[in-house]
N, C-alpha and C. Protein backbone atom coordinates (compact mmCIF):
# COMPACT_ATOMS: atom_id res chain seq x y z
N UNK A 1 23.88 -70.36 26.24
CA UNK A 1 23.17 -70.08 24.95
C UNK A 1 22.14 -68.96 25.27
N UNK A 2 22.08 -68.02 24.48
CA UNK A 2 21.04 -66.90 24.71
C UNK A 2 19.69 -67.37 24.40
N UNK A 3 18.64 -66.89 25.04
CA UNK A 3 17.37 -67.18 24.79
C UNK A 3 16.84 -66.55 23.55
N UNK A 4 15.66 -66.94 23.02
CA UNK A 4 15.18 -66.39 21.73
C UNK A 4 14.78 -64.93 21.90
N UNK A 5 14.35 -64.52 23.05
CA UNK A 5 13.92 -63.08 23.16
C UNK A 5 15.13 -62.29 23.12
N UNK A 6 16.26 -62.61 23.76
CA UNK A 6 17.57 -61.81 23.71
C UNK A 6 18.12 -61.72 22.29
N UNK A 7 18.07 -62.95 21.65
CA UNK A 7 18.51 -62.95 20.23
C UNK A 7 17.67 -62.07 19.35
N UNK A 8 16.44 -62.16 19.46
CA UNK A 8 15.38 -61.34 18.68
C UNK A 8 15.64 -59.77 18.97
N UNK A 9 15.90 -59.42 20.16
CA UNK A 9 16.15 -58.06 20.51
C UNK A 9 17.51 -57.60 19.92
N UNK A 10 18.48 -58.37 19.93
CA UNK A 10 19.80 -58.12 19.38
C UNK A 10 19.66 -57.93 17.81
N UNK A 11 18.96 -58.86 17.27
CA UNK A 11 18.76 -58.84 15.81
C UNK A 11 18.06 -57.53 15.35
N UNK A 12 17.00 -57.11 16.15
CA UNK A 12 16.29 -55.95 15.83
C UNK A 12 17.19 -54.58 15.97
N UNK A 13 18.01 -54.70 16.97
CA UNK A 13 18.97 -53.53 17.21
C UNK A 13 19.96 -53.41 16.07
N UNK A 14 20.48 -54.48 15.67
CA UNK A 14 21.44 -54.57 14.54
C UNK A 14 20.78 -54.16 13.27
N UNK A 15 19.59 -54.58 13.06
CA UNK A 15 18.76 -54.21 11.84
C UNK A 15 18.54 -52.58 11.81
N UNK A 16 18.28 -52.08 13.02
CA UNK A 16 18.10 -50.64 13.10
C UNK A 16 19.47 -49.92 12.82
N UNK A 17 20.56 -50.49 13.28
CA UNK A 17 21.82 -49.96 12.92
C UNK A 17 22.20 -49.94 11.51
N UNK A 18 21.82 -51.11 10.87
CA UNK A 18 22.03 -51.20 9.34
C UNK A 18 21.15 -50.22 8.67
N UNK A 19 19.93 -50.01 9.08
CA UNK A 19 19.14 -48.95 8.49
C UNK A 19 19.78 -47.66 8.54
N UNK A 20 20.23 -47.21 9.70
CA UNK A 20 20.86 -45.93 9.91
C UNK A 20 22.12 -45.82 8.99
N UNK A 21 22.95 -46.81 8.93
CA UNK A 21 24.16 -46.84 8.15
C UNK A 21 23.69 -46.75 6.55
N UNK A 22 22.66 -47.39 6.17
CA UNK A 22 22.21 -47.28 4.79
C UNK A 22 21.77 -45.89 4.44
N UNK A 23 21.10 -45.26 5.36
CA UNK A 23 20.63 -43.90 5.18
C UNK A 23 21.85 -43.05 5.04
N UNK A 24 22.85 -43.25 5.81
CA UNK A 24 24.18 -42.39 5.81
C UNK A 24 24.81 -42.63 4.48
N UNK A 25 24.87 -43.85 4.08
CA UNK A 25 25.51 -44.21 2.70
C UNK A 25 24.81 -43.55 1.61
N UNK A 26 23.41 -43.68 1.62
CA UNK A 26 22.65 -43.13 0.57
C UNK A 26 22.78 -41.51 0.49
N UNK A 27 22.86 -40.90 1.61
CA UNK A 27 23.20 -39.39 1.66
C UNK A 27 24.57 -39.08 1.07
N UNK A 28 25.66 -39.97 1.36
CA UNK A 28 26.93 -39.74 0.71
C UNK A 28 26.83 -39.97 -0.76
N UNK A 29 26.17 -41.00 -1.06
CA UNK A 29 25.95 -41.36 -2.57
C UNK A 29 25.28 -40.13 -3.30
N UNK A 30 24.24 -39.60 -2.68
CA UNK A 30 23.57 -38.44 -3.41
C UNK A 30 24.66 -37.26 -3.51
N UNK A 31 25.53 -37.09 -2.52
CA UNK A 31 26.48 -35.98 -2.61
C UNK A 31 27.47 -36.26 -3.82
N UNK A 32 27.84 -37.51 -3.96
CA UNK A 32 28.76 -37.88 -5.06
C UNK A 32 28.11 -37.68 -6.39
N UNK A 33 26.82 -38.01 -6.53
CA UNK A 33 26.02 -37.91 -7.70
C UNK A 33 25.93 -36.49 -8.06
N UNK A 34 25.70 -35.59 -7.07
CA UNK A 34 25.56 -34.14 -7.34
C UNK A 34 26.86 -33.60 -7.84
N UNK A 35 27.98 -34.16 -7.37
CA UNK A 35 29.36 -33.59 -7.78
C UNK A 35 29.52 -34.04 -9.20
N UNK A 36 29.13 -35.28 -9.51
CA UNK A 36 29.35 -35.85 -10.92
C UNK A 36 28.50 -35.05 -11.77
N UNK A 37 27.25 -34.75 -11.44
CA UNK A 37 26.29 -33.99 -12.29
C UNK A 37 26.89 -32.64 -12.56
N UNK A 38 27.41 -31.91 -11.50
CA UNK A 38 28.06 -30.60 -11.54
C UNK A 38 29.24 -30.67 -12.60
N UNK A 39 29.99 -31.75 -12.54
CA UNK A 39 31.07 -31.78 -13.50
C UNK A 39 30.71 -32.34 -14.82
N UNK A 40 29.36 -32.70 -15.00
CA UNK A 40 28.87 -33.18 -16.28
C UNK A 40 29.71 -34.37 -16.69
N UNK A 41 29.96 -35.31 -15.70
CA UNK A 41 30.89 -36.40 -15.97
C UNK A 41 30.21 -37.70 -15.59
N UNK A 42 30.49 -38.77 -16.38
CA UNK A 42 29.96 -40.05 -15.98
C UNK A 42 31.01 -40.91 -15.28
N UNK A 43 32.37 -40.59 -15.42
CA UNK A 43 33.46 -41.29 -14.79
C UNK A 43 34.41 -40.30 -14.16
N UNK A 44 34.78 -40.52 -12.93
CA UNK A 44 35.81 -39.65 -12.24
C UNK A 44 36.73 -40.57 -11.41
N UNK A 45 37.96 -40.25 -11.36
CA UNK A 45 38.97 -40.91 -10.65
C UNK A 45 39.19 -40.07 -9.30
N UNK A 46 39.01 -40.80 -8.19
CA UNK A 46 39.16 -40.17 -6.85
C UNK A 46 40.18 -40.93 -6.08
N UNK A 47 41.45 -40.56 -6.26
CA UNK A 47 42.37 -41.32 -5.53
C UNK A 47 42.46 -42.79 -6.10
N UNK A 48 42.20 -43.68 -5.17
CA UNK A 48 42.29 -45.14 -5.66
C UNK A 48 40.93 -45.55 -6.16
N UNK A 49 39.98 -44.65 -6.26
CA UNK A 49 38.57 -45.08 -6.60
C UNK A 49 38.24 -44.59 -7.98
N UNK A 50 37.44 -45.37 -8.66
CA UNK A 50 36.72 -44.83 -9.87
C UNK A 50 35.23 -44.78 -9.67
N UNK A 51 34.78 -43.68 -9.83
CA UNK A 51 33.38 -43.45 -9.57
C UNK A 51 32.58 -43.21 -10.81
N UNK A 52 31.52 -44.15 -11.09
CA UNK A 52 30.78 -43.94 -12.29
C UNK A 52 29.39 -43.69 -12.03
N UNK A 53 28.76 -42.76 -12.77
CA UNK A 53 27.47 -42.42 -12.58
C UNK A 53 26.81 -42.08 -14.00
N UNK A 54 25.91 -42.94 -14.49
CA UNK A 54 25.38 -42.87 -15.80
C UNK A 54 24.18 -43.82 -16.08
N UNK A 55 23.47 -43.49 -17.16
CA UNK A 55 22.38 -44.36 -17.58
C UNK A 55 22.85 -45.60 -18.28
N UNK A 56 22.18 -46.56 -18.17
CA UNK A 56 22.38 -47.87 -18.93
C UNK A 56 21.13 -48.42 -19.41
N UNK A 57 21.17 -49.29 -20.35
CA UNK A 57 19.90 -49.96 -20.89
C UNK A 57 19.97 -51.40 -20.61
N UNK A 58 18.77 -51.96 -20.27
CA UNK A 58 18.66 -53.39 -20.02
C UNK A 58 17.32 -53.87 -20.63
N UNK A 59 17.25 -55.15 -20.91
CA UNK A 59 16.11 -55.68 -21.61
C UNK A 59 15.43 -56.68 -20.53
N UNK A 60 14.16 -56.52 -20.36
CA UNK A 60 13.44 -57.34 -19.40
C UNK A 60 12.23 -57.94 -20.06
N UNK A 61 11.80 -59.09 -19.53
CA UNK A 61 10.61 -59.73 -20.14
C UNK A 61 9.53 -59.33 -19.30
N UNK A 62 8.42 -58.79 -19.94
CA UNK A 62 7.21 -58.34 -19.22
C UNK A 62 6.23 -59.54 -19.13
N UNK A 63 6.29 -60.27 -18.00
CA UNK A 63 5.48 -61.43 -17.64
C UNK A 63 4.02 -61.11 -17.49
N UNK A 64 3.67 -59.93 -17.11
CA UNK A 64 2.38 -59.50 -16.87
C UNK A 64 1.61 -59.47 -18.20
N UNK A 65 2.42 -58.73 -19.05
CA UNK A 65 1.74 -58.53 -20.30
C UNK A 65 1.60 -59.79 -21.10
N UNK A 66 2.71 -60.67 -21.04
CA UNK A 66 2.70 -61.97 -21.74
C UNK A 66 1.57 -62.86 -21.16
N UNK A 67 1.37 -62.79 -19.89
CA UNK A 67 0.29 -63.58 -19.21
C UNK A 67 -1.07 -63.16 -19.69
N UNK A 68 -1.29 -61.82 -19.91
CA UNK A 68 -2.56 -61.30 -20.37
C UNK A 68 -2.76 -61.66 -21.91
N UNK A 69 -1.68 -61.68 -22.73
CA UNK A 69 -1.73 -61.97 -24.11
C UNK A 69 -1.93 -63.45 -24.36
N UNK A 70 -1.13 -64.21 -23.64
CA UNK A 70 -1.08 -65.68 -23.98
C UNK A 70 -1.12 -66.49 -22.70
N UNK A 71 -2.30 -66.48 -21.99
CA UNK A 71 -2.47 -67.22 -20.80
C UNK A 71 -2.18 -68.67 -20.85
N UNK A 72 -2.51 -69.32 -21.91
CA UNK A 72 -2.35 -70.73 -22.05
C UNK A 72 -0.89 -71.04 -22.10
N UNK A 73 -0.17 -70.28 -22.84
CA UNK A 73 1.33 -70.57 -23.00
C UNK A 73 2.06 -70.20 -21.81
N UNK A 74 1.57 -69.17 -21.09
CA UNK A 74 2.15 -68.77 -19.81
C UNK A 74 2.03 -69.92 -18.80
N UNK A 75 0.75 -70.44 -18.69
CA UNK A 75 0.52 -71.37 -17.68
C UNK A 75 1.25 -72.74 -18.04
N UNK A 76 1.54 -72.94 -19.20
CA UNK A 76 2.45 -74.07 -19.57
C UNK A 76 3.87 -73.99 -19.25
N UNK A 77 4.38 -72.74 -19.07
CA UNK A 77 5.76 -72.67 -18.67
C UNK A 77 5.99 -72.11 -17.21
N UNK A 78 5.04 -71.72 -16.57
CA UNK A 78 5.14 -71.18 -15.18
C UNK A 78 5.39 -72.40 -14.27
N UNK A 79 6.31 -72.05 -13.29
CA UNK A 79 6.53 -73.08 -12.19
C UNK A 79 6.45 -72.34 -10.88
N UNK A 80 6.08 -73.20 -9.93
CA UNK A 80 6.00 -72.71 -8.54
C UNK A 80 7.11 -73.30 -7.74
N UNK A 81 7.63 -72.43 -6.78
CA UNK A 81 8.74 -72.86 -5.93
C UNK A 81 8.36 -72.66 -4.46
N UNK A 82 8.89 -73.36 -3.56
CA UNK A 82 8.77 -73.17 -2.22
C UNK A 82 9.89 -72.45 -1.54
N UNK A 83 9.63 -71.43 -0.93
CA UNK A 83 10.73 -70.68 -0.13
C UNK A 83 10.46 -70.66 1.41
N UNK A 84 11.48 -70.14 2.13
CA UNK A 84 11.17 -69.89 3.46
C UNK A 84 11.38 -68.37 3.71
N UNK A 85 10.65 -67.96 4.83
CA UNK A 85 10.73 -66.50 5.17
C UNK A 85 11.03 -66.34 6.61
N UNK A 86 11.88 -65.41 6.92
CA UNK A 86 12.16 -65.24 8.39
C UNK A 86 11.82 -63.77 8.71
N UNK A 87 11.00 -63.59 9.73
CA UNK A 87 10.72 -62.24 10.17
C UNK A 87 10.78 -62.17 11.72
N UNK A 88 11.14 -60.97 12.22
CA UNK A 88 10.93 -60.61 13.65
C UNK A 88 10.13 -59.43 13.75
N UNK A 89 8.87 -59.59 14.39
CA UNK A 89 8.11 -58.33 14.45
C UNK A 89 7.71 -58.07 15.90
């Protein structure tokens, strides 16, 4: 079984690779977005793929504003949770 230092080193190396791959994926994504913008299109078929790029609308609850406007009601419905966190630094 590998020791903790070896595992931590491997973990950090893999995280660095993931970061590099994400940067590469983001660059390709920006190229595709630029092509979609140039075509003035929200949906394009590219071989077996369907590429979509466009705005959408969502509705979200503004908890900060609600807390400021109705602090008593907010505190009545707020709940606390316990979570775990893993870091390697």
